[in-house]
Amino acid sequence: MTIDAPPRWDRKMQQRLAHGEAAALGELYDRFASLVHGLAHRVLDDERGADRVTREVFGYVWEHPEAYDPKHGSLRSWIASLAHRHAVSRLRRTEDDGERPAAEIDAKVRAASAAARADYIVTSMPAPLRAALDLAYFRRLDYRQAAARLGVTEDEARRRLRLGLQLLSTAHEGPRAVSPPGGGAALR
């Protein structure tokens, strides 16, 4: 699971890109190319199309670094939304060419949108929730093992997993603001 870069890194990267620093684009590509390609491939189900979208997204970022606004989220989230938009646009163009049925296109767009929302939710949830989900679902630990690794009680580990899953379940409900149950900044 990728750890979010601090906002300071996002702003510095944007400044480097705005100054035309090619090394910054290379660093950004190394960090986020697999994310962009994966999202594009999920939408398009086409390797060459995903490669094209990846090039388009990083080309856009290089030409328009000022389009990123740190007040609206992380650089990672902005790049993911660009990838999603470019891939959906390419998919819709394919539909216009009559290569795929409209119902298939709509289903792919809905699935890809849910996946992009899930990615955003995971990356924007508090670090303690992300860590619990990472241990339970990616490393396949039970809540007792996760509690031991996190240095918390078993009840706290269960609570973090439950909250993380509740947030993640909203990915299929459509775009809207997501906040932890109870309204507050739950775990800091």
C-alpha atoms as a PDB file:
ATOM      1  CA  MET A   1       0.000   0.000   0.000  1.00  0.00           C
ATOM      2  CA  THR A   2       1.450   3.357  -0.991  1.00  0.00           C
ATOM      3  CA  ILE A   3       1.876   5.902   1.754  1.00  0.00           C
ATOM      4  CA  ASP A   4       0.713   9.392   0.868  1.00  0.00           C
ATOM      5  CA  ALA A   5       3.372  11.981   0.359  1.00  0.00           C
ATOM      6  CA  PRO A   6       3.170  14.918   2.750  1.00  0.00           C
ATOM      7  CA  PRO A   7       1.450  18.043   1.378  1.00  0.00           C
ATOM      8  CA  ARG A   8       4.811  19.825   1.483  1.00  0.00           C
ATOM      9  CA  TRP A   9       6.154  17.289  -1.024  1.00  0.00           C
ATOM     10  CA  ASP A  10       3.130  17.886  -3.276  1.00  0.00           C
ATOM     11  CA  ARG A  11       3.688  21.662  -3.322  1.00  0.00           C
ATOM     12  CA  LYS A  12       7.426  21.295  -3.899  1.00  0.00           C
ATOM     13  CA  MET A  13       6.812  18.856  -6.771  1.00  0.00           C
ATOM     14  CA  GLN A  14       4.344  21.274  -8.335  1.00  0.00           C
ATOM     15  CA  GLN A  15       6.910  24.074  -8.118  1.00  0.00           C
ATOM     16  CA  ARG A  16       9.602  21.903  -9.687  1.00  0.00           C
ATOM     17  CA  LEU A  17       7.291  20.996 -12.561  1.00  0.00           C
ATOM     18  CA  ALA A  18       6.299  24.635 -13.048  1.00  0.00           C
ATOM     19  CA  HIS A  19      10.002  25.490 -13.374  1.00  0.00           C
ATOM     20  CA  GLY A  20      10.343  22.855 -16.105  1.00  0.00           C
ATOM     21  CA  GLU A  21      12.511  20.470 -14.098  1.00  0.00           C
ATOM     22  CA  ALA A  22      12.561  17.270 -16.139  1.00  0.00           C
ATOM     23  CA  ALA A  23      13.899  15.278 -13.182  1.00  0.00           C
ATOM     24  CA  ALA A  24      10.708  16.180 -11.291  1.00  0.00           C
ATOM     25  CA  LEU A  25       8.584  14.629 -14.021  1.00  0.00           C
ATOM     26  CA  GLY A  26      10.735  11.494 -13.890  1.00  0.00           C
ATOM     27  CA  GLU A  27      10.338  11.285 -10.123  1.00  0.00           C
ATOM     28  CA  LEU A  28       6.586  11.807 -10.390  1.00  0.00           C
ATOM     29  CA  TYR A  29       6.357   9.166 -13.111  1.00  0.00           C
ATOM     30  CA  ASP A  30       8.340   6.664 -11.030  1.00  0.00           C
ATOM     31  CA  ARG A  31       6.051   7.269  -8.081  1.00  0.00           C
ATOM     32  CA  PHE A  32       2.640   7.267  -9.803  1.00  0.00           C
ATOM     33  CA  ALA A  33       2.907   5.554 -13.208  1.00  0.00           C
ATOM     34  CA  SER A  34       1.687   2.209 -11.876  1.00  0.00           C
ATOM     35  CA  LEU A  35      -1.322   3.916 -10.274  1.00  0.00           C
ATOM     36  CA  VAL A  36      -2.213   5.708 -13.526  1.00  0.00           C
ATOM     37  CA  HIS A  37      -1.664   2.654 -15.684  1.00  0.00           C
ATOM     38  CA  GLY A  38      -3.641   0.429 -13.305  1.00  0.00           C
ATOM     39  CA  LEU A  39      -6.642   2.767 -13.217  1.00  0.00           C
ATOM     40  CA  ALA A  40      -6.570   3.194 -16.991  1.00  0.00           C
ATOM     41  CA  HIS A  41      -6.292  -0.545 -17.543  1.00  0.00           C
ATOM     42  CA  ARG A  42      -9.199  -1.151 -15.166  1.00  0.00           C
ATOM     43  CA  VAL A  43     -11.387   1.198 -17.228  1.00  0.00           C
ATOM     44  CA  LEU A  44     -10.217   0.217 -20.699  1.00  0.00           C
ATOM     45  CA  ASP A  45      -9.251  -3.433 -20.262  1.00  0.00           C
ATOM     46  CA  ASP A  46      -6.643  -2.724 -22.929  1.00  0.00           C
ATOM     47  CA  GLU A  47      -2.884  -2.614 -22.364  1.00  0.00           C
ATOM     48  CA  ARG A  48      -2.076  -0.285 -25.279  1.00  0.00           C
ATOM     49  CA  GLY A  49      -4.925   2.046 -24.345  1.00  0.00           C
ATOM     50  CA  ALA A  50      -3.686   2.154 -20.744  1.00  0.00           C
ATOM     51  CA  ASP A  51      -0.180   2.963 -22.006  1.00  0.00           C
ATOM     52  CA  ARG A  52      -1.605   5.839 -24.081  1.00  0.00           C
ATOM     53  CA  VAL A  53      -3.599   7.197 -21.160  1.00  0.00           C
ATOM     54  CA  THR A  54      -0.502   7.032 -18.956  1.00  0.00           C
ATOM     55  CA  ARG A  55       1.452   9.096 -21.492  1.00  0.00           C
ATOM     56  CA  GLU A  56      -1.447  11.557 -21.859  1.00  0.00           C
ATOM     57  CA  VAL A  57      -1.776  12.061 -18.102  1.00  0.00           C
ATOM     58  CA  PHE A  58       1.912  12.709 -17.511  1.00  0.00           C
ATOM     59  CA  GLY A  59       2.021  14.924 -20.590  1.00  0.00           C
ATOM     60  CA  TYR A  60      -0.847  16.964 -19.171  1.00  0.00           C
ATOM     61  CA  VAL A  61       0.821  17.205 -15.745  1.00  0.00           C
ATOM     62  CA  TRP A  62       4.056  18.381 -17.411  1.00  0.00           C
ATOM     63  CA  GLU A  63       2.278  21.001 -19.509  1.00  0.00           C
ATOM     64  CA  HIS A  64      -0.185  22.173 -16.829  1.00  0.00           C
ATOM     65  CA  PRO A  65       1.350  21.841 -13.337  1.00  0.00           C
ATOM     66  CA  GLU A  66      -0.609  24.928 -12.273  1.00  0.00           C
ATOM     67  CA  ALA A  67      -3.865  22.976 -12.744  1.00  0.00           C
ATOM     68  CA  TYR A  68      -3.142  21.105  -9.504  1.00  0.00           C
ATOM     69  CA  ASP A  69      -4.612  22.815  -6.446  1.00  0.00           C
ATOM     70  CA  PRO A  70      -3.267  21.443  -3.139  1.00  0.00           C
ATOM     71  CA  LYS A  71      -6.372  22.796  -1.363  1.00  0.00           C
ATOM     72  CA  HIS A  72      -8.479  20.147  -3.136  1.00  0.00           C
ATOM     73  CA  GLY A  73      -6.429  17.122  -2.120  1.00  0.00           C
ATOM     74  CA  SER A  74      -3.158  15.354  -2.623  1.00  0.00           C
ATOM     75  CA  LEU A  75      -1.158  15.280  -5.836  1.00  0.00           C
ATOM     76  CA  ARG A  76      -1.733  11.518  -5.918  1.00  0.00           C
ATOM     77  CA  SER A  77      -5.524  11.994  -5.848  1.00  0.00           C
ATOM     78  CA  TRP A  78      -5.353  14.657  -8.575  1.00  0.00           C
ATOM     79  CA  ILE A  79      -3.259  12.409 -10.808  1.00  0.00           C
ATOM     80  CA  ALA A  80      -5.637   9.484 -10.170  1.00  0.00           C
ATOM     81  CA  SER A  81      -8.629  11.633 -11.142  1.00  0.00           C
ATOM     82  CA  LEU A  82      -6.827  12.739 -14.316  1.00  0.00           C
ATOM     83  CA  ALA A  83      -6.157   9.090 -15.167  1.00  0.00           C
ATOM     84  CA  HIS A  84      -9.788   8.200 -14.596  1.00  0.00           C
ATOM     85  CA  ARG A  85     -11.068  11.102 -16.720  1.00  0.00           C
ATOM     86  CA  HIS A  86      -8.666  10.389 -19.576  1.00  0.00           C
ATOM     87  CA  ALA A  87      -9.487   6.676 -19.541  1.00  0.00           C
ATOM     88  CA  VAL A  88     -13.251   7.282 -19.481  1.00  0.00           C
ATOM     89  CA  SER A  89     -12.874   9.780 -22.317  1.00  0.00           C
ATOM     90  CA  ARG A  90     -10.935   7.227 -24.361  1.00  0.00           C
ATOM     91  CA  LEU A  91     -13.532   4.569 -23.568  1.00  0.00           C
ATOM     92  CA  ARG A  92     -16.359   6.861 -24.662  1.00  0.00           C
ATOM     93  CA  ARG A  93     -14.513   7.606 -27.931  1.00  0.00           C
ATOM     94  CA  THR A  94     -14.294   3.852 -28.482  1.00  0.00           C
ATOM     95  CA  GLU A  95     -18.053   3.665 -27.917  1.00  0.00           C
ATOM     96  CA  ASP A  96     -18.594   6.415 -30.481  1.00  0.00           C
ATOM     97  CA  ASP A  97     -16.593   4.333 -32.968  1.00  0.00           C
ATOM     98  CA  GLY A  98     -19.107   1.531 -32.417  1.00  0.00           C
ATOM     99  CA  GLU A  99     -16.536  -0.932 -31.121  1.00  0.00           C
ATOM    100  CA  ARG A 100     -18.322  -1.642 -27.814  1.00  0.00           C
ATOM    101  CA  PRO A 101     -21.981  -1.698 -26.773  1.00  0.00           C
ATOM    102  CA  ALA A 102     -23.164   1.299 -24.719  1.00  0.00           C
ATOM    103  CA  ALA A 103     -24.266  -0.900 -21.789  1.00  0.00           C
ATOM    104  CA  GLU A 104     -20.772  -2.410 -21.548  1.00  0.00           C
ATOM    105  CA  ILE A 105     -19.235   1.064 -21.589  1.00  0.00           C
ATOM    106  CA  ASP A 106     -21.551   2.297 -18.822  1.00  0.00           C
ATOM    107  CA  ALA A 107     -20.838  -0.764 -16.660  1.00  0.00           C
ATOM    108  CA  LYS A 108     -17.079  -0.302 -17.076  1.00  0.00           C
ATOM    109  CA  VAL A 109     -17.324   3.401 -16.253  1.00  0.00           C
ATOM    110  CA  ARG A 110     -19.367   2.674 -13.097  1.00  0.00           C
ATOM    111  CA  ALA A 111     -16.931  -0.023 -11.960  1.00  0.00           C
ATOM    112  CA  ALA A 112     -13.905   2.154 -12.650  1.00  0.00           C
ATOM    113  CA  SER A 113     -15.514   5.092 -10.841  1.00  0.00           C
ATOM    114  CA  ALA A 114     -16.154   2.933  -7.776  1.00  0.00           C
ATOM    115  CA  ALA A 115     -12.547   1.712  -7.881  1.00  0.00           C
ATOM    116  CA  ALA A 116     -11.239   5.277  -8.134  1.00  0.00           C
ATOM    117  CA  ARG A 117     -13.455   6.368  -5.215  1.00  0.00           C
ATOM    118  CA  ALA A 118     -12.231   3.395  -3.159  1.00  0.00           C
ATOM    119  CA  ASP A 119      -8.627   4.367  -3.876  1.00  0.00           C
ATOM    120  CA  TYR A 120      -9.340   7.955  -2.850  1.00  0.00           C
ATOM    121  CA  ILE A 121     -11.114   6.840   0.336  1.00  0.00           C
ATOM    122  CA  VAL A 122      -8.240   4.586   1.359  1.00  0.00           C
ATOM    123  CA  THR A 123      -5.584   7.216   0.697  1.00  0.00           C
ATOM    124  CA  SER A 124      -7.485   9.946   2.535  1.00  0.00           C
ATOM    125  CA  MET A 125      -8.534   7.976   5.627  1.00  0.00           C
ATOM    126  CA  PRO A 126      -6.552   8.454   8.834  1.00  0.00           C
ATOM    127  CA  ALA A 127      -3.274   6.539   8.976  1.00  0.00           C
ATOM    128  CA  PRO A 128      -4.371   4.263  11.879  1.00  0.00           C
ATOM    129  CA  LEU A 129      -7.330   2.995   9.811  1.00  0.00           C
ATOM    130  CA  ARG A 130      -5.153   2.507   6.720  1.00  0.00           C
ATOM    131  CA  ALA A 131      -2.587   0.591   8.748  1.00  0.00           C
ATOM    132  CA  ALA A 132      -5.243  -1.717  10.223  1.00  0.00           C
ATOM    133  CA  LEU A 133      -6.736  -2.417   6.787  1.00  0.00           C
ATOM    134  CA  ASP A 134      -3.296  -3.025   5.336  1.00  0.00           C
ATOM    135  CA  LEU A 135      -2.457  -5.594   7.989  1.00  0.00           C
ATOM    136  CA  ALA A 136      -5.815  -7.363   7.802  1.00  0.00           C
ATOM    137  CA  TYR A 137      -6.442  -7.423   4.070  1.00  0.00           C
ATOM    138  CA  PHE A 138      -3.113  -7.165   2.320  1.00  0.00           C
ATOM    139  CA  ARG A 139      -0.968  -9.017   4.841  1.00  0.00           C
ATOM    140  CA  ARG A 140      -3.824 -11.369   5.829  1.00  0.00           C
ATOM    141  CA  LEU A 141      -3.471 -10.958   9.593  1.00  0.00           C
ATOM    142  CA  ASP A 142      -6.458 -11.479  11.894  1.00  0.00           C
ATOM    143  CA  TYR A 143      -7.524  -8.696  14.248  1.00  0.00           C
ATOM    144  CA  ARG A 144      -5.511 -10.189  17.138  1.00  0.00           C
ATOM    145  CA  GLN A 145      -2.304 -10.230  15.074  1.00  0.00           C
ATOM    146  CA  ALA A 146      -3.068  -6.744  13.734  1.00  0.00           C
ATOM    147  CA  ALA A 147      -3.582  -5.485  17.292  1.00  0.00           C
ATOM    148  CA  ALA A 148      -0.204  -6.892  18.342  1.00  0.00           C
ATOM    149  CA  ARG A 149       1.556  -5.319  15.338  1.00  0.00           C
ATOM    150  CA  LEU A 150      -0.145  -1.968  15.884  1.00  0.00           C
ATOM    151  CA  GLY A 151       0.449  -2.010  19.644  1.00  0.00           C
ATOM    152  CA  VAL A 152      -3.237  -1.532  20.449  1.00  0.00           C
ATOM    153  CA  THR A 153      -5.913  -3.576  22.198  1.00  0.00           C
ATOM    154  CA  GLU A 154      -7.901  -6.146  20.253  1.00  0.00           C
ATOM    155  CA  ASP A 155     -11.032  -3.998  20.693  1.00  0.00           C
ATOM    156  CA  GLU A 156      -9.212  -1.011  19.204  1.00  0.00           C
ATOM    157  CA  ALA A 157      -7.998  -3.103  16.253  1.00  0.00           C
ATOM    158  CA  ARG A 158     -11.571  -4.307  15.601  1.00  0.00           C
ATOM    159  CA  ARG A 159     -12.852  -0.722  15.850  1.00  0.00           C
ATOM    160  CA  ARG A 160     -10.273   0.523  13.340  1.00  0.00           C
ATOM    161  CA  LEU A 161     -11.079  -2.276  10.914  1.00  0.00           C
ATOM    162  CA  ARG A 162     -14.819  -1.665  11.243  1.00  0.00           C
ATOM    163  CA  LEU A 163     -14.423   2.086  10.653  1.00  0.00           C
ATOM    164  CA  GLY A 164     -12.107   1.521   7.696  1.00  0.00           C
ATOM    165  CA  LEU A 165     -14.522  -0.928   6.117  1.00  0.00           C
ATOM    166  CA  GLN A 166     -17.475   1.400   6.704  1.00  0.00           C
ATOM    167  CA  LEU A 167     -15.637   4.186   4.904  1.00  0.00           C
ATOM    168  CA  LEU A 168     -14.583   1.882   2.103  1.00  0.00           C
ATOM    169  CA  SER A 169     -18.128   0.569   1.622  1.00  0.00           C
ATOM    170  CA  THR A 170     -19.230   4.053   0.580  1.00  0.00           C
ATOM    171  CA  ALA A 171     -17.189   3.769  -2.646  1.00  0.00           C
ATOM    172  CA  HIS A 172     -20.123   2.104  -4.400  1.00  0.00           C
ATOM    173  CA  GLU A 173     -22.615   4.737  -3.239  1.00  0.00           C
ATOM    174  CA  GLY A 174     -21.384   7.363  -5.676  1.00  0.00           C
ATOM    175  CA  PRO A 175     -19.325  10.524  -5.301  1.00  0.00           C
ATOM    176  CA  ARG A 176     -19.930  12.538  -2.158  1.00  0.00           C
ATOM    177  CA  ALA A 177     -17.987  13.826   0.761  1.00  0.00           C
ATOM    178  CA  VAL A 178     -16.890  11.019   3.041  1.00  0.00           C
ATOM    179  CA  SER A 179     -16.246  11.553   6.715  1.00  0.00           C
ATOM    180  CA  PRO A 180     -15.740   9.048   9.500  1.00  0.00           C
ATOM    181  CA  PRO A 181     -18.921   7.855  11.236  1.00  0.00           C
ATOM    182  CA  GLY A 182     -19.711  10.227  14.069  1.00  0.00           C
ATOM    183  CA  GLY A 183     -18.610  13.203  12.000  1.00  0.00           C
ATOM    184  CA  GLY A 184     -15.250  13.962  13.578  1.00  0.00           C
ATOM    185  CA  ALA A 185     -11.632  13.373  12.757  1.00  0.00           C
ATOM    186  CA  ALA A 186     -11.662   9.933  14.304  1.00  0.00           C
ATOM    187  CA  LEU A 187      -8.097   8.745  14.803  1.00  0.00           C
ATOM    188  CA  ARG A 188      -5.117  10.996  14.775  1.00  0.00           C
END
